[in-house]
Amino acid sequence: MSDRFSEIDGAEIELVKGGGGVFEISLDGELVFSKKATGRFPEEHELDAIAARA
């Protein structure tokens, strides 16, 4: 997934080791997706929408 966002000019990708299956995506300091909140990983169309906002 980080490959999709690394192609965006100015994108800063930070992978943070953690436990408990946490997977979050933040954009400009705002949490835009949380696996903990949704109980699932993001779908392709959600990733596309996040990338379009960047």
Protein backbone atom coordinates (compact mmCIF):
# COMPACT_ATOMS: atom_id res chain seq x y z
CA MET A 1 0.00 0.00 0.00
CA SER A 2 2.82 2.41 0.68
CA ASP A 3 3.83 2.13 -3.00
CA ARG A 4 0.53 3.71 -4.05
CA PHE A 5 1.14 6.77 -1.87
CA SER A 6 4.89 7.06 -2.49
CA GLU A 7 4.14 8.13 -6.07
CA ILE A 8 2.37 11.28 -4.81
CA ASP A 9 4.65 14.33 -4.90
CA GLY A 10 5.47 15.47 -1.39
CA ALA A 11 4.06 12.35 0.27
CA GLU A 12 5.78 11.32 3.48
CA ILE A 13 5.26 7.64 4.26
CA GLU A 14 5.91 6.51 7.80
CA LEU A 15 5.56 2.87 8.78
CA VAL A 16 5.27 2.51 12.53
CA LYS A 17 5.65 -0.87 14.15
CA GLY A 18 2.89 -1.66 16.55
CA GLY A 19 0.82 -4.43 17.93
CA GLY A 20 -2.79 -5.44 17.94
CA GLY A 21 -3.35 -5.15 14.20
CA VAL A 22 -3.47 -1.34 14.15
CA PHE A 23 -3.49 0.13 10.63
CA GLU A 24 -4.11 3.83 10.20
CA ILE A 25 -3.74 6.35 7.40
CA SER A 26 -3.34 10.05 8.21
CA LEU A 27 -3.30 12.91 5.74
CA ASP A 28 -1.92 16.29 6.82
CA GLY A 29 -2.18 15.21 10.45
CA GLU A 30 -5.82 14.12 10.13
CA LEU A 31 -6.75 10.46 10.65
CA VAL A 32 -8.59 9.46 7.46
CA PHE A 33 -8.75 5.67 7.89
CA SER A 34 -8.53 3.40 10.92
CA LYS A 35 -8.67 -0.39 10.82
CA LYS A 36 -9.39 -0.31 14.55
CA ALA A 37 -12.50 1.83 13.95
CA THR A 38 -13.74 -0.06 10.87
CA GLY A 39 -12.57 -3.58 11.70
CA ARG A 40 -11.07 -4.01 8.21
CA PHE A 41 -8.37 -2.84 5.85
CA PRO A 42 -9.24 -0.10 3.34
CA GLU A 43 -10.70 -1.11 -0.01
CA GLU A 44 -9.16 -0.03 -3.32
CA HIS A 45 -11.72 2.73 -3.92
CA GLU A 46 -11.04 4.13 -0.45
CA LEU A 47 -7.30 4.21 -1.11
CA ASP A 48 -7.95 5.96 -4.44
CA ALA A 49 -10.09 8.58 -2.68
CA ILE A 50 -7.41 9.19 -0.05
CA ALA A 51 -4.71 9.50 -2.73
CA ALA A 52 -6.88 11.97 -4.66
CA ARG A 53 -7.10 14.21 -1.58
CA ALA A 54 -3.31 14.42 -1.30
